[in-house]
Amino acid sequence: MTVHRDDGLPARVRLVEVGPRDGLQNEKALVPTDVKVGLIDRLSDAGFSAVEATSFVSPKWVPQLADAAEVMRRIRRKPGVHYPVLVPNMKGFEGALAAHADEIAVFVAASESFSQRNINCSIAESLARAAPVFAAAAQHGIRVRGYISCVLGCPYEGDVAATAVRDVAAALRDLGAYEVSLGDTIGTGTAGKTRALIRTVAERVPVAMLAGHFHDTYGQALANVYASLAEGVAVFDCSVSGLGGCPYAKGATGNVASEDVVYLLQGLGIDCGVDLTRLREAGAYISRALDREPVSRVARALNAKSPLPATTESA
């Protein structure tokens, strides 16, 4: 149960680190398995209670994640930390089950056009396809998290009706999702639209079951996180160093950077359990592996002010 302070904001927030899956899946060059495992282990050590590790999707469509089983075999599973994996269908679920995944994630869209172009089926058909996955997960005692894409805009349709998002969220809850993450896939959402969306979705799904998943294409992700906090949302997805994007949305940048979200929460006096220094170390590790600077503004500012030891960055 979420505890709220006198100012209405949650006293504690749970962060779901999605960089190893949502972030790295968009990298054109294959990232070595060793690097993926090293990143996940560092994020676990930074204090995240959930680190989305990989996806059991066809290597034909996402070659970057062809090593999903090997990643799950080699990560150091820390007590109290969940390592959810994305599964698109029953074949993916079987792979996740064989890899001893303790949580899976299922994606659907709030936009018919996006659903058709992304997974070649309607929203209704995508929910029908997800039903056996939910049933199998329940049979094996594996919890399921639902993701909804394009909740605040679609690259093909433009605006998306909040009522459509509400209905998809309710369908995921009815299938058995313990939580529904609302994804601003192309990053066009604003604080006002975010608050209105959450209020509409809450007509059918309790706010305590909702999470925010914001991309920073228009520089609005942190504002949308704060707007969600004001509506009582206490779970957010974020990506170390701002890794990621969306292959189906031209120009869409990565998730809001984990370092920036942690800094925001610390400034608000909201506990999230993540150590910012260790998070910076994880960000430095993956940034060096990818030969680029972190997208996180907080990481860049702190690195300029107080550089991390070179041995830490390259460990």
C-alpha atoms as a PDB file:
ATOM      1  CA  MET A   1       0.000   0.000   0.000  1.00  0.00           C
ATOM      2  CA  THR A   2       1.366   3.403  -0.990  1.00  0.00           C
ATOM      3  CA  VAL A   3       1.830   5.864   1.863  1.00  0.00           C
ATOM      4  CA  HIS A   4       1.390   9.515   0.941  1.00  0.00           C
ATOM      5  CA  ARG A   5       2.802  12.532   2.756  1.00  0.00           C
ATOM      6  CA  ASP A   6       0.891  15.605   3.847  1.00  0.00           C
ATOM      7  CA  ASP A   7       1.721  17.280   0.529  1.00  0.00           C
ATOM      8  CA  GLY A   8       0.067  14.413  -1.350  1.00  0.00           C
ATOM      9  CA  LEU A   9       3.277  12.993  -2.802  1.00  0.00           C
ATOM     10  CA  PRO A  10       4.250   9.356  -2.182  1.00  0.00           C
ATOM     11  CA  ALA A  11       6.627   8.849   0.733  1.00  0.00           C
ATOM     12  CA  ARG A  12       8.476   6.152  -1.215  1.00  0.00           C
ATOM     13  CA  VAL A  13       8.818   5.371  -4.918  1.00  0.00           C
ATOM     14  CA  ARG A  14       9.796   2.114  -6.583  1.00  0.00           C
ATOM     15  CA  LEU A  15      11.996   2.468  -9.655  1.00  0.00           C
ATOM     16  CA  VAL A  16      12.107  -0.185 -12.371  1.00  0.00           C
ATOM     17  CA  GLU A  17      15.409  -0.023 -14.229  1.00  0.00           C
ATOM     18  CA  VAL A  18      14.779  -0.884 -17.882  1.00  0.00           C
ATOM     19  CA  GLY A  19      18.111   0.047 -19.465  1.00  0.00           C
ATOM     20  CA  PRO A  20      19.439  -3.501 -19.982  1.00  0.00           C
ATOM     21  CA  ARG A  21      16.377  -4.403 -22.063  1.00  0.00           C
ATOM     22  CA  ASP A  22      14.544  -1.315 -23.286  1.00  0.00           C
ATOM     23  CA  GLY A  23      17.776   0.614 -23.637  1.00  0.00           C
ATOM     24  CA  LEU A  24      20.154  -1.874 -25.179  1.00  0.00           C
ATOM     25  CA  GLN A  25      17.653  -3.425 -27.596  1.00  0.00           C
ATOM     26  CA  ASN A  26      17.946  -0.318 -29.766  1.00  0.00           C
ATOM     27  CA  GLU A  27      21.732  -0.446 -30.074  1.00  0.00           C
ATOM     28  CA  LYS A  28      22.792  -1.233 -33.652  1.00  0.00           C
ATOM     29  CA  ALA A  29      26.112  -2.816 -32.664  1.00  0.00           C
ATOM     30  CA  LEU A  30      25.810  -6.034 -30.686  1.00  0.00           C
ATOM     31  CA  VAL A  31      26.630  -5.517 -27.017  1.00  0.00           C
ATOM     32  CA  PRO A  32      28.697  -8.403 -25.570  1.00  0.00           C
ATOM     33  CA  THR A  33      26.933 -10.649 -23.081  1.00  0.00           C
ATOM     34  CA  ASP A  34      29.655  -9.915 -20.516  1.00  0.00           C
ATOM     35  CA  VAL A  35      28.812  -6.216 -20.693  1.00  0.00           C
ATOM     36  CA  LYS A  36      25.073  -6.843 -20.266  1.00  0.00           C
ATOM     37  CA  VAL A  37      25.680  -9.058 -17.247  1.00  0.00           C
ATOM     38  CA  GLY A  38      28.078  -6.518 -15.765  1.00  0.00           C
ATOM     39  CA  LEU A  39      25.517  -3.747 -16.204  1.00  0.00           C
ATOM     40  CA  ILE A  40      22.682  -5.714 -14.592  1.00  0.00           C
ATOM     41  CA  ASP A  41      24.848  -6.687 -11.622  1.00  0.00           C
ATOM     42  CA  ARG A  42      25.917  -3.067 -11.108  1.00  0.00           C
ATOM     43  CA  LEU A  43      22.316  -1.879 -11.226  1.00  0.00           C
ATOM     44  CA  SER A  44      21.340  -4.496  -8.650  1.00  0.00           C
ATOM     45  CA  ASP A  45      24.145  -3.239  -6.417  1.00  0.00           C
ATOM     46  CA  ALA A  46      22.935   0.349  -6.887  1.00  0.00           C
ATOM     47  CA  GLY A  47      19.733  -0.529  -5.027  1.00  0.00           C
ATOM     48  CA  PHE A  48      17.069  -1.123  -7.669  1.00  0.00           C
ATOM     49  CA  SER A  49      14.466  -3.645  -6.561  1.00  0.00           C
ATOM     50  CA  ALA A  50      13.605  -4.435 -10.195  1.00  0.00           C
ATOM     51  CA  VAL A  51      15.988  -4.614 -13.152  1.00  0.00           C
ATOM     52  CA  GLU A  52      14.428  -5.563 -16.482  1.00  0.00           C
ATOM     53  CA  ALA A  53      17.090  -7.919 -17.740  1.00  0.00           C
ATOM     54  CA  THR A  54      16.241  -8.951 -21.297  1.00  0.00           C
ATOM     55  CA  SER A  55      13.529 -10.150 -23.675  1.00  0.00           C
ATOM     56  CA  PHE A  56      12.688 -13.598 -24.989  1.00  0.00           C
ATOM     57  CA  VAL A  57      11.807 -12.372 -28.449  1.00  0.00           C
ATOM     58  CA  SER A  58      12.776 -13.832 -31.820  1.00  0.00           C
ATOM     59  CA  PRO A  59      16.464 -13.121 -32.587  1.00  0.00           C
ATOM     60  CA  LYS A  60      15.324 -12.448 -36.142  1.00  0.00           C
ATOM     61  CA  TRP A  61      13.499  -9.333 -34.984  1.00  0.00           C
ATOM     62  CA  VAL A  62      15.781  -8.249 -32.131  1.00  0.00           C
ATOM     63  CA  PRO A  63      19.274  -9.709 -32.667  1.00  0.00           C
ATOM     64  CA  GLN A  64      20.594  -7.674 -29.748  1.00  0.00           C
ATOM     65  CA  LEU A  65      18.695  -9.883 -27.294  1.00  0.00           C
ATOM     66  CA  ALA A  66      19.516 -13.262 -28.842  1.00  0.00           C
ATOM     67  CA  ASP A  67      21.583 -14.050 -25.726  1.00  0.00           C
ATOM     68  CA  ALA A  68      18.613 -13.746 -23.349  1.00  0.00           C
ATOM     69  CA  ALA A  69      19.003 -17.220 -21.842  1.00  0.00           C
ATOM     70  CA  GLU A  70      22.745 -16.751 -21.356  1.00  0.00           C
ATOM     71  CA  VAL A  71      22.235 -13.371 -19.679  1.00  0.00           C
ATOM     72  CA  MET A  72      19.693 -14.843 -17.270  1.00  0.00           C
ATOM     73  CA  ARG A  73      22.018 -17.746 -16.501  1.00  0.00           C
ATOM     74  CA  ARG A  74      24.993 -15.538 -15.709  1.00  0.00           C
ATOM     75  CA  ILE A  75      23.585 -12.583 -13.781  1.00  0.00           C
ATOM     76  CA  ARG A  76      24.123 -12.527 -10.040  1.00  0.00           C
ATOM     77  CA  ARG A  77      20.608 -12.632  -8.647  1.00  0.00           C
ATOM     78  CA  LYS A  78      20.464 -10.496  -5.549  1.00  0.00           C
ATOM     79  CA  PRO A  79      17.923 -11.385  -2.839  1.00  0.00           C
ATOM     80  CA  GLY A  80      14.954  -9.043  -2.906  1.00  0.00           C
ATOM     81  CA  VAL A  81      15.557  -7.964  -6.500  1.00  0.00           C
ATOM     82  CA  HIS A  82      13.244  -8.972  -9.360  1.00  0.00           C
ATOM     83  CA  TYR A  83      14.614  -9.490 -12.873  1.00  0.00           C
ATOM     84  CA  PRO A  84      11.590  -9.192 -15.190  1.00  0.00           C
ATOM     85  CA  VAL A  85      11.878 -10.189 -18.847  1.00  0.00           C
ATOM     86  CA  LEU A  86       9.696  -9.202 -21.772  1.00  0.00           C
ATOM     87  CA  VAL A  87       7.792 -12.011 -23.492  1.00  0.00           C
ATOM     88  CA  PRO A  88       5.780 -11.435 -26.702  1.00  0.00           C
ATOM     89  CA  ASN A  89       4.052 -14.826 -26.899  1.00  0.00           C
ATOM     90  CA  MET A  90       3.935 -18.373 -25.499  1.00  0.00           C
ATOM     91  CA  LYS A  91       7.245 -19.304 -27.110  1.00  0.00           C
ATOM     92  CA  GLY A  92       8.810 -16.363 -25.316  1.00  0.00           C
ATOM     93  CA  PHE A  93       7.167 -17.443 -22.073  1.00  0.00           C
ATOM     94  CA  GLU A  94       8.602 -20.928 -22.423  1.00  0.00           C
ATOM     95  CA  GLY A  95      12.062 -19.408 -22.818  1.00  0.00           C
ATOM     96  CA  ALA A  96      11.547 -17.215 -19.764  1.00  0.00           C
ATOM     97  CA  LEU A  97      10.315 -20.173 -17.743  1.00  0.00           C
ATOM     98  CA  ALA A  98      13.342 -22.267 -18.716  1.00  0.00           C
ATOM     99  CA  ALA A  99      15.583 -19.372 -17.657  1.00  0.00           C
ATOM    100  CA  HIS A 100      13.891 -19.251 -14.235  1.00  0.00           C
ATOM    101  CA  ALA A 101      12.503 -15.738 -14.689  1.00  0.00           C
ATOM    102  CA  ASP A 102      10.656 -14.565 -11.587  1.00  0.00           C
ATOM    103  CA  GLU A 103       8.585 -11.963 -13.444  1.00  0.00           C
ATOM    104  CA  ILE A 104       7.541 -11.327 -17.028  1.00  0.00           C
ATOM    105  CA  ALA A 105       6.265  -8.284 -18.901  1.00  0.00           C
ATOM    106  CA  VAL A 106       3.664  -8.201 -21.659  1.00  0.00           C
ATOM    107  CA  PHE A 107       3.292  -5.311 -24.118  1.00  0.00           C
ATOM    108  CA  VAL A 108       0.163  -4.002 -25.813  1.00  0.00           C
ATOM    109  CA  ALA A 109      -0.558  -0.636 -27.427  1.00  0.00           C
ATOM    110  CA  ALA A 110      -3.271   1.974 -26.907  1.00  0.00           C
ATOM    111  CA  SER A 111      -3.108   2.874 -30.623  1.00  0.00           C
ATOM    112  CA  GLU A 112      -4.544   0.582 -33.302  1.00  0.00           C
ATOM    113  CA  SER A 113      -2.070   1.849 -35.908  1.00  0.00           C
ATOM    114  CA  PHE A 114       0.930   1.293 -33.662  1.00  0.00           C
ATOM    115  CA  SER A 115      -0.312  -2.185 -32.760  1.00  0.00           C
ATOM    116  CA  GLN A 116      -0.679  -3.116 -36.422  1.00  0.00           C
ATOM    117  CA  ARG A 117       2.743  -1.790 -37.418  1.00  0.00           C
ATOM    118  CA  ASN A 118       4.512  -3.120 -34.335  1.00  0.00           C
ATOM    119  CA  ILE A 119       3.037  -6.621 -33.927  1.00  0.00           C
ATOM    120  CA  ASN A 120       0.759  -6.942 -36.974  1.00  0.00           C
ATOM    121  CA  CYS A 121      -2.518  -7.283 -35.109  1.00  0.00           C
ATOM    122  CA  SER A 122      -5.272  -5.210 -33.536  1.00  0.00           C
ATOM    123  CA  ILE A 123      -5.353  -4.253 -29.862  1.00  0.00           C
ATOM    124  CA  ALA A 124      -8.099  -6.807 -29.248  1.00  0.00           C
ATOM    125  CA  GLU A 125      -6.066  -9.502 -30.966  1.00  0.00           C
ATOM    126  CA  SER A 126      -2.967  -8.589 -28.952  1.00  0.00           C
ATOM    127  CA  LEU A 127      -4.916  -8.979 -25.718  1.00  0.00           C
ATOM    128  CA  ALA A 128      -6.262 -12.327 -26.893  1.00  0.00           C
ATOM    129  CA  ARG A 129      -2.715 -13.458 -27.670  1.00  0.00           C
ATOM    130  CA  ALA A 130      -1.602 -12.374 -24.220  1.00  0.00           C
ATOM    131  CA  ALA A 131      -4.314 -14.346 -22.410  1.00  0.00           C
ATOM    132  CA  PRO A 132      -2.569 -17.759 -22.552  1.00  0.00           C
ATOM    133  CA  VAL A 133       0.669 -16.138 -21.397  1.00  0.00           C
ATOM    134  CA  PHE A 134      -1.094 -14.733 -18.332  1.00  0.00           C
ATOM    135  CA  ALA A 135      -2.722 -18.104 -17.670  1.00  0.00           C
ATOM    136  CA  ALA A 136       0.574 -19.977 -17.942  1.00  0.00           C
ATOM    137  CA  ALA A 137       2.325 -17.458 -15.707  1.00  0.00           C
ATOM    138  CA  ALA A 138      -0.363 -17.840 -13.050  1.00  0.00           C
ATOM    139  CA  GLN A 139      -0.022 -21.618 -13.223  1.00  0.00           C
ATOM    140  CA  HIS A 140       3.706 -21.338 -12.542  1.00  0.00           C
ATOM    141  CA  GLY A 141       3.453 -18.616  -9.904  1.00  0.00           C
ATOM    142  CA  ILE A 142       5.145 -15.965 -12.047  1.00  0.00           C
ATOM    143  CA  ARG A 143       3.792 -12.447 -11.755  1.00  0.00           C
ATOM    144  CA  VAL A 144       3.031 -10.430 -14.883  1.00  0.00           C
ATOM    145  CA  ARG A 145       3.512  -6.729 -15.489  1.00  0.00           C
ATOM    146  CA  GLY A 146       1.577  -5.062 -18.285  1.00  0.00           C
ATOM    147  CA  TYR A 147       3.001  -2.344 -20.516  1.00  0.00           C
ATOM    148  CA  ILE A 148       0.907  -0.030 -22.679  1.00  0.00           C
ATOM    149  CA  SER A 149       2.616   1.825 -25.525  1.00  0.00           C
ATOM    150  CA  CYS A 150       1.626   5.209 -26.980  1.00  0.00           C
ATOM    151  CA  VAL A 151      -0.480   6.367 -24.035  1.00  0.00           C
ATOM    152  CA  LEU A 152       0.157  10.068 -24.742  1.00  0.00           C
ATOM    153  CA  GLY A 153       0.612  10.019 -28.497  1.00  0.00           C
ATOM    154  CA  CYS A 154       1.174   7.768 -31.499  1.00  0.00           C
ATOM    155  CA  PRO A 155       3.647   8.307 -34.365  1.00  0.00           C
ATOM    156  CA  TYR A 156       0.921   7.325 -36.854  1.00  0.00           C
ATOM    157  CA  GLU A 157      -2.324   8.593 -35.295  1.00  0.00           C
ATOM    158  CA  GLY A 158      -1.218  11.576 -33.236  1.00  0.00           C
ATOM    159  CA  ASP A 159      -3.293  12.044 -30.088  1.00  0.00           C
ATOM    160  CA  VAL A 160      -4.550   8.924 -28.320  1.00  0.00           C
ATOM    161  CA  ALA A 161      -7.803   9.013 -26.348  1.00  0.00           C
ATOM    162  CA  ALA A 162      -7.297   8.607 -22.604  1.00  0.00           C
ATOM    163  CA  THR A 163     -10.392   6.413 -22.535  1.00  0.00           C
ATOM    164  CA  ALA A 164      -8.681   3.987 -24.927  1.00  0.00           C
ATOM    165  CA  VAL A 165      -5.725   3.745 -22.549  1.00  0.00           C
ATOM    166  CA  ARG A 166      -8.122   3.261 -19.633  1.00  0.00           C
ATOM    167  CA  ASP A 167      -9.853   0.361 -21.355  1.00  0.00           C
ATOM    168  CA  VAL A 168      -6.599  -1.397 -22.292  1.00  0.00           C
ATOM    169  CA  ALA A 169      -5.290  -0.956 -18.750  1.00  0.00           C
ATOM    170  CA  ALA A 170      -8.478  -2.481 -17.371  1.00  0.00           C
ATOM    171  CA  ALA A 171      -8.155  -5.406 -19.785  1.00  0.00           C
ATOM    172  CA  LEU A 172      -4.598  -6.082 -18.609  1.00  0.00           C
ATOM    173  CA  ARG A 173      -5.709  -5.928 -14.989  1.00  0.00           C
ATOM    174  CA  ASP A 174      -8.522  -8.365 -15.719  1.00  0.00           C
ATOM    175  CA  LEU A 175      -6.050 -10.759 -17.359  1.00  0.00           C
ATOM    176  CA  GLY A 176      -4.013 -10.735 -14.159  1.00  0.00           C
ATOM    177  CA  ALA A 177      -1.415  -7.959 -14.395  1.00  0.00           C
ATOM    178  CA  TYR A 178      -0.289  -6.908 -10.938  1.00  0.00           C
ATOM    179  CA  GLU A 179       0.819  -3.547 -12.342  1.00  0.00           C
ATOM    180  CA  VAL A 180       0.292  -1.565 -15.545  1.00  0.00           C
ATOM    181  CA  SER A 181       3.036   0.706 -16.872  1.00  0.00           C
ATOM    182  CA  LEU A 182       1.806   3.636 -18.960  1.00  0.00           C
ATOM    183  CA  GLY A 183       4.333   4.330 -21.719  1.00  0.00           C
ATOM    184  CA  ASP A 184       4.776   7.662 -23.473  1.00  0.00           C
ATOM    185  CA  THR A 185       6.577   5.885 -26.294  1.00  0.00           C
ATOM    186  CA  ILE A 186       7.337   8.925 -28.466  1.00  0.00           C
ATOM    187  CA  GLY A 187       7.754  11.383 -25.603  1.00  0.00           C
ATOM    188  CA  THR A 188       5.117  13.922 -26.663  1.00  0.00           C
ATOM    189  CA  GLY A 189       3.252  13.986 -23.356  1.00  0.00           C
ATOM    190  CA  THR A 190       3.021  17.065 -21.157  1.00  0.00           C
ATOM    191  CA  ALA A 191       2.350  17.414 -17.449  1.00  0.00           C
ATOM    192  CA  GLY A 192      -1.259  18.477 -17.946  1.00  0.00           C
ATOM    193  CA  LYS A 193      -2.022  15.619 -20.312  1.00  0.00           C
ATOM    194  CA  THR A 194      -0.266  13.195 -17.995  1.00  0.00           C
ATOM    195  CA  ARG A 195      -2.397  14.191 -15.009  1.00  0.00           C
ATOM    196  CA  ALA A 196      -5.571  13.985 -17.077  1.00  0.00           C
ATOM    197  CA  LEU A 197      -4.571  10.551 -18.380  1.00  0.00           C
ATOM    198  CA  ILE A 198      -3.929   9.148 -14.920  1.00  0.00           C
ATOM    199  CA  ARG A 199      -7.254  10.438 -13.647  1.00  0.00           C
ATOM    200  CA  THR A 200      -9.064   8.807 -16.566  1.00  0.00           C
ATOM    201  CA  VAL A 201      -7.263   5.472 -16.227  1.00  0.00           C
ATOM    202  CA  ALA A 202      -7.930   5.528 -12.466  1.00  0.00           C
ATOM    203  CA  GLU A 203     -11.644   5.363 -13.224  1.00  0.00           C
ATOM    204  CA  ARG A 204     -11.115   1.646 -13.828  1.00  0.00           C
ATOM    205  CA  VAL A 205      -7.647   0.797 -12.505  1.00  0.00           C
ATOM    206  CA  PRO A 206      -6.461   1.987  -9.070  1.00  0.00           C
ATOM    207  CA  VAL A 207      -3.574   4.451  -9.114  1.00  0.00           C
ATOM    208  CA  ALA A 208      -1.702   2.063  -6.805  1.00  0.00           C
ATOM    209  CA  MET A 209      -1.517  -0.369  -9.763  1.00  0.00           C
ATOM    210  CA  LEU A 210      -0.118   2.202 -12.214  1.00  0.00           C
ATOM    211  CA  ALA A 211       3.450   3.029 -13.201  1.00  0.00           C
ATOM    212  CA  GLY A 212       4.869   5.773 -15.405  1.00  0.00           C
ATOM    213  CA  HIS A 213       7.169   5.090 -18.366  1.00  0.00           C
ATOM    214  CA  PHE A 214       8.267   8.374 -19.939  1.00  0.00           C
ATOM    215  CA  HIS A 215      10.537   9.081 -22.888  1.00  0.00           C
ATOM    216  CA  ASP A 216      12.301  12.427 -23.100  1.00  0.00           C
ATOM    217  CA  THR A 217      11.962  13.306 -26.802  1.00  0.00           C
ATOM    218  CA  TYR A 218      10.484  16.746 -26.042  1.00  0.00           C
ATOM    219  CA  GLY A 219      12.318  17.211 -22.745  1.00  0.00           C
ATOM    220  CA  GLN A 220       9.144  16.645 -20.723  1.00  0.00           C
ATOM    221  CA  ALA A 221       9.886  13.334 -19.007  1.00  0.00           C
ATOM    222  CA  LEU A 222      10.824  14.713 -15.580  1.00  0.00           C
ATOM    223  CA  ALA A 223       7.846  17.076 -15.640  1.00  0.00           C
ATOM    224  CA  ASN A 224       5.639  14.092 -16.398  1.00  0.00           C
ATOM    225  CA  VAL A 225       7.194  12.116 -13.553  1.00  0.00           C
ATOM    226  CA  TYR A 226       6.398  14.962 -11.168  1.00  0.00           C
ATOM    227  CA  ALA A 227       2.855  15.283 -12.541  1.00  0.00           C
ATOM    228  CA  SER A 228       2.377  11.559 -11.969  1.00  0.00           C
ATOM    229  CA  LEU A 229       3.702  11.844  -8.420  1.00  0.00           C
ATOM    230  CA  ALA A 230       1.137  14.567  -7.776  1.00  0.00           C
ATOM    231  CA  GLU A 231      -1.574  12.123  -8.888  1.00  0.00           C
ATOM    232  CA  GLY A 232      -0.284   9.481  -6.483  1.00  0.00           C
ATOM    233  CA  VAL A 233       1.729   7.272  -8.845  1.00  0.00           C
ATOM    234  CA  ALA A 234       4.602   5.673  -6.935  1.00  0.00           C
ATOM    235  CA  VAL A 235       6.305   3.457  -9.553  1.00  0.00           C
ATOM    236  CA  PHE A 236       8.403   4.664 -12.489  1.00  0.00           C
ATOM    237  CA  ASP A 237      10.457   3.052 -15.216  1.00  0.00           C
ATOM    238  CA  CYS A 238      13.814   4.638 -15.981  1.00  0.00           C
ATOM    239  CA  SER A 239      16.920   3.830 -17.976  1.00  0.00           C
ATOM    240  CA  VAL A 240      20.515   4.188 -16.828  1.00  0.00           C
ATOM    241  CA  SER A 241      22.314   6.976 -18.741  1.00  0.00           C
ATOM    242  CA  GLY A 242      19.105   7.573 -20.720  1.00  0.00           C
ATOM    243  CA  LEU A 243      19.696   4.533 -22.928  1.00  0.00           C
ATOM    244  CA  GLY A 244      17.109   3.542 -25.497  1.00  0.00           C
ATOM    245  CA  GLY A 245      14.533   4.827 -27.902  1.00  0.00           C
ATOM    246  CA  CYS A 246      11.846   3.215 -30.005  1.00  0.00           C
ATOM    247  CA  PRO A 247      12.529   1.593 -33.381  1.00  0.00           C
ATOM    248  CA  TYR A 248       8.913   2.211 -34.416  1.00  0.00           C
ATOM    249  CA  ALA A 249       8.890   5.926 -33.569  1.00  0.00           C
ATOM    250  CA  LYS A 250      11.267   8.063 -35.644  1.00  0.00           C
ATOM    251  CA  GLY A 251      13.249  10.477 -33.514  1.00  0.00           C
ATOM    252  CA  ALA A 252      12.066   9.076 -30.180  1.00  0.00           C
ATOM    253  CA  THR A 253      14.793   9.271 -27.562  1.00  0.00           C
ATOM    254  CA  GLY A 254      15.364   6.956 -24.663  1.00  0.00           C
ATOM    255  CA  ASN A 255      13.545   6.657 -21.391  1.00  0.00           C
ATOM    256  CA  VAL A 256      14.056   9.326 -18.815  1.00  0.00           C
ATOM    257  CA  ALA A 257      17.524   8.808 -17.363  1.00  0.00           C
ATOM    258  CA  SER A 258      17.615   6.945 -14.065  1.00  0.00           C
ATOM    259  CA  GLU A 259      20.156   9.360 -12.611  1.00  0.00           C
ATOM    260  CA  ASP A 260      17.855  12.322 -13.320  1.00  0.00           C
ATOM    261  CA  VAL A 261      14.849  10.630 -11.711  1.00  0.00           C
ATOM    262  CA  VAL A 262      16.820   9.697  -8.602  1.00  0.00           C
ATOM    263  CA  TYR A 263      18.092  13.272  -8.291  1.00  0.00           C
ATOM    264  CA  LEU A 264      14.527  14.599  -8.612  1.00  0.00           C
ATOM    265  CA  LEU A 265      13.249  12.225  -5.944  1.00  0.00           C
ATOM    266  CA  GLN A 266      16.113  13.043  -3.593  1.00  0.00           C
ATOM    267  CA  GLY A 267      15.334  16.739  -4.006  1.00  0.00           C
ATOM    268  CA  LEU A 268      11.725  16.038  -3.047  1.00  0.00           C
ATOM    269  CA  GLY A 269      12.782  13.995  -0.026  1.00  0.00           C
ATOM    270  CA  ILE A 270      11.216  10.842  -1.503  1.00  0.00           C
ATOM    271  CA  ASP A 271      12.966   7.569  -0.776  1.00  0.00           C
ATOM    272  CA  CYS A 272      13.651   5.285  -3.756  1.00  0.00           C
ATOM    273  CA  GLY A 273      16.370   3.072  -2.295  1.00  0.00           C
ATOM    274  CA  VAL A 274      18.873   3.796  -5.088  1.00  0.00           C
ATOM    275  CA  ASP A 275      22.415   4.969  -4.381  1.00  0.00           C
ATOM    276  CA  LEU A 276      23.170   7.754  -6.872  1.00  0.00           C
ATOM    277  CA  THR A 277      26.944   7.229  -6.798  1.00  0.00           C
ATOM    278  CA  ARG A 278      26.645   3.527  -7.575  1.00  0.00           C
ATOM    279  CA  LEU A 279      24.114   4.361 -10.277  1.00  0.00           C
ATOM    280  CA  ARG A 280      26.597   6.813 -11.812  1.00  0.00           C
ATOM    281  CA  GLU A 281      29.200   4.043 -11.762  1.00  0.00           C
ATOM    282  CA  ALA A 282      26.823   1.737 -13.634  1.00  0.00           C
ATOM    283  CA  GLY A 283      26.136   4.530 -16.111  1.00  0.00           C
ATOM    284  CA  ALA A 284      29.834   5.178 -16.601  1.00  0.00           C
ATOM    285  CA  TYR A 285      30.412   1.458 -17.161  1.00  0.00           C
ATOM    286  CA  ILE A 286      27.844   1.123 -19.951  1.00  0.00           C
ATOM    287  CA  SER A 287      28.712   4.505 -21.487  1.00  0.00           C
ATOM    288  CA  ARG A 288      32.359   3.489 -21.811  1.00  0.00           C
ATOM    289  CA  ALA A 289      31.319   0.139 -23.284  1.00  0.00           C
ATOM    290  CA  LEU A 290      29.206   1.952 -25.881  1.00  0.00           C
ATOM    291  CA  ASP A 291      31.857   4.665 -26.411  1.00  0.00           C
ATOM    292  CA  ARG A 292      29.577   7.601 -25.686  1.00  0.00           C
ATOM    293  CA  GLU A 293      28.722  10.177 -23.056  1.00  0.00           C
ATOM    294  CA  PRO A 294      25.744   9.507 -20.775  1.00  0.00           C
ATOM    295  CA  VAL A 295      22.533  11.243 -21.826  1.00  0.00           C
ATOM    296  CA  SER A 296      21.682  11.920 -18.176  1.00  0.00           C
ATOM    297  CA  ARG A 297      22.155  15.600 -17.389  1.00  0.00           C
ATOM    298  CA  VAL A 298      22.694  14.831 -13.715  1.00  0.00           C
ATOM    299  CA  ALA A 299      25.405  12.281 -14.493  1.00  0.00           C
ATOM    300  CA  ARG A 300      27.170  14.691 -16.831  1.00  0.00           C
ATOM    301  CA  ALA A 301      27.011  17.535 -14.326  1.00  0.00           C
ATOM    302  CA  LEU A 302      28.250  15.401 -11.447  1.00  0.00           C
ATOM    303  CA  ASN A 303      30.941  13.800 -13.590  1.00  0.00           C
ATOM    304  CA  ALA A 304      32.248  17.264 -14.520  1.00  0.00           C
ATOM    305  CA  LYS A 305      32.181  18.369 -10.900  1.00  0.00           C
ATOM    306  CA  SER A 306      33.423  15.158  -9.325  1.00  0.00           C
ATOM    307  CA  PRO A 307      34.758  12.619 -11.867  1.00  0.00           C
ATOM    308  CA  LEU A 308      34.488   8.962 -10.997  1.00  0.00           C
ATOM    309  CA  PRO A 309      37.774   7.033 -10.645  1.00  0.00           C
ATOM    310  CA  ALA A 310      38.852   5.555 -13.955  1.00  0.00           C
ATOM    311  CA  THR A 311      39.155   2.123 -12.352  1.00  0.00           C
ATOM    312  CA  THR A 312      35.512   2.312 -11.318  1.00  0.00           C
ATOM    313  CA  GLU A 313      34.321   3.353 -14.760  1.00  0.00           C
ATOM    314  CA  SER A 314      36.141   0.543 -16.559  1.00  0.00           C
ATOM    315  CA  ALA A 315      35.597  -2.194 -13.961  1.00  0.00           C
END
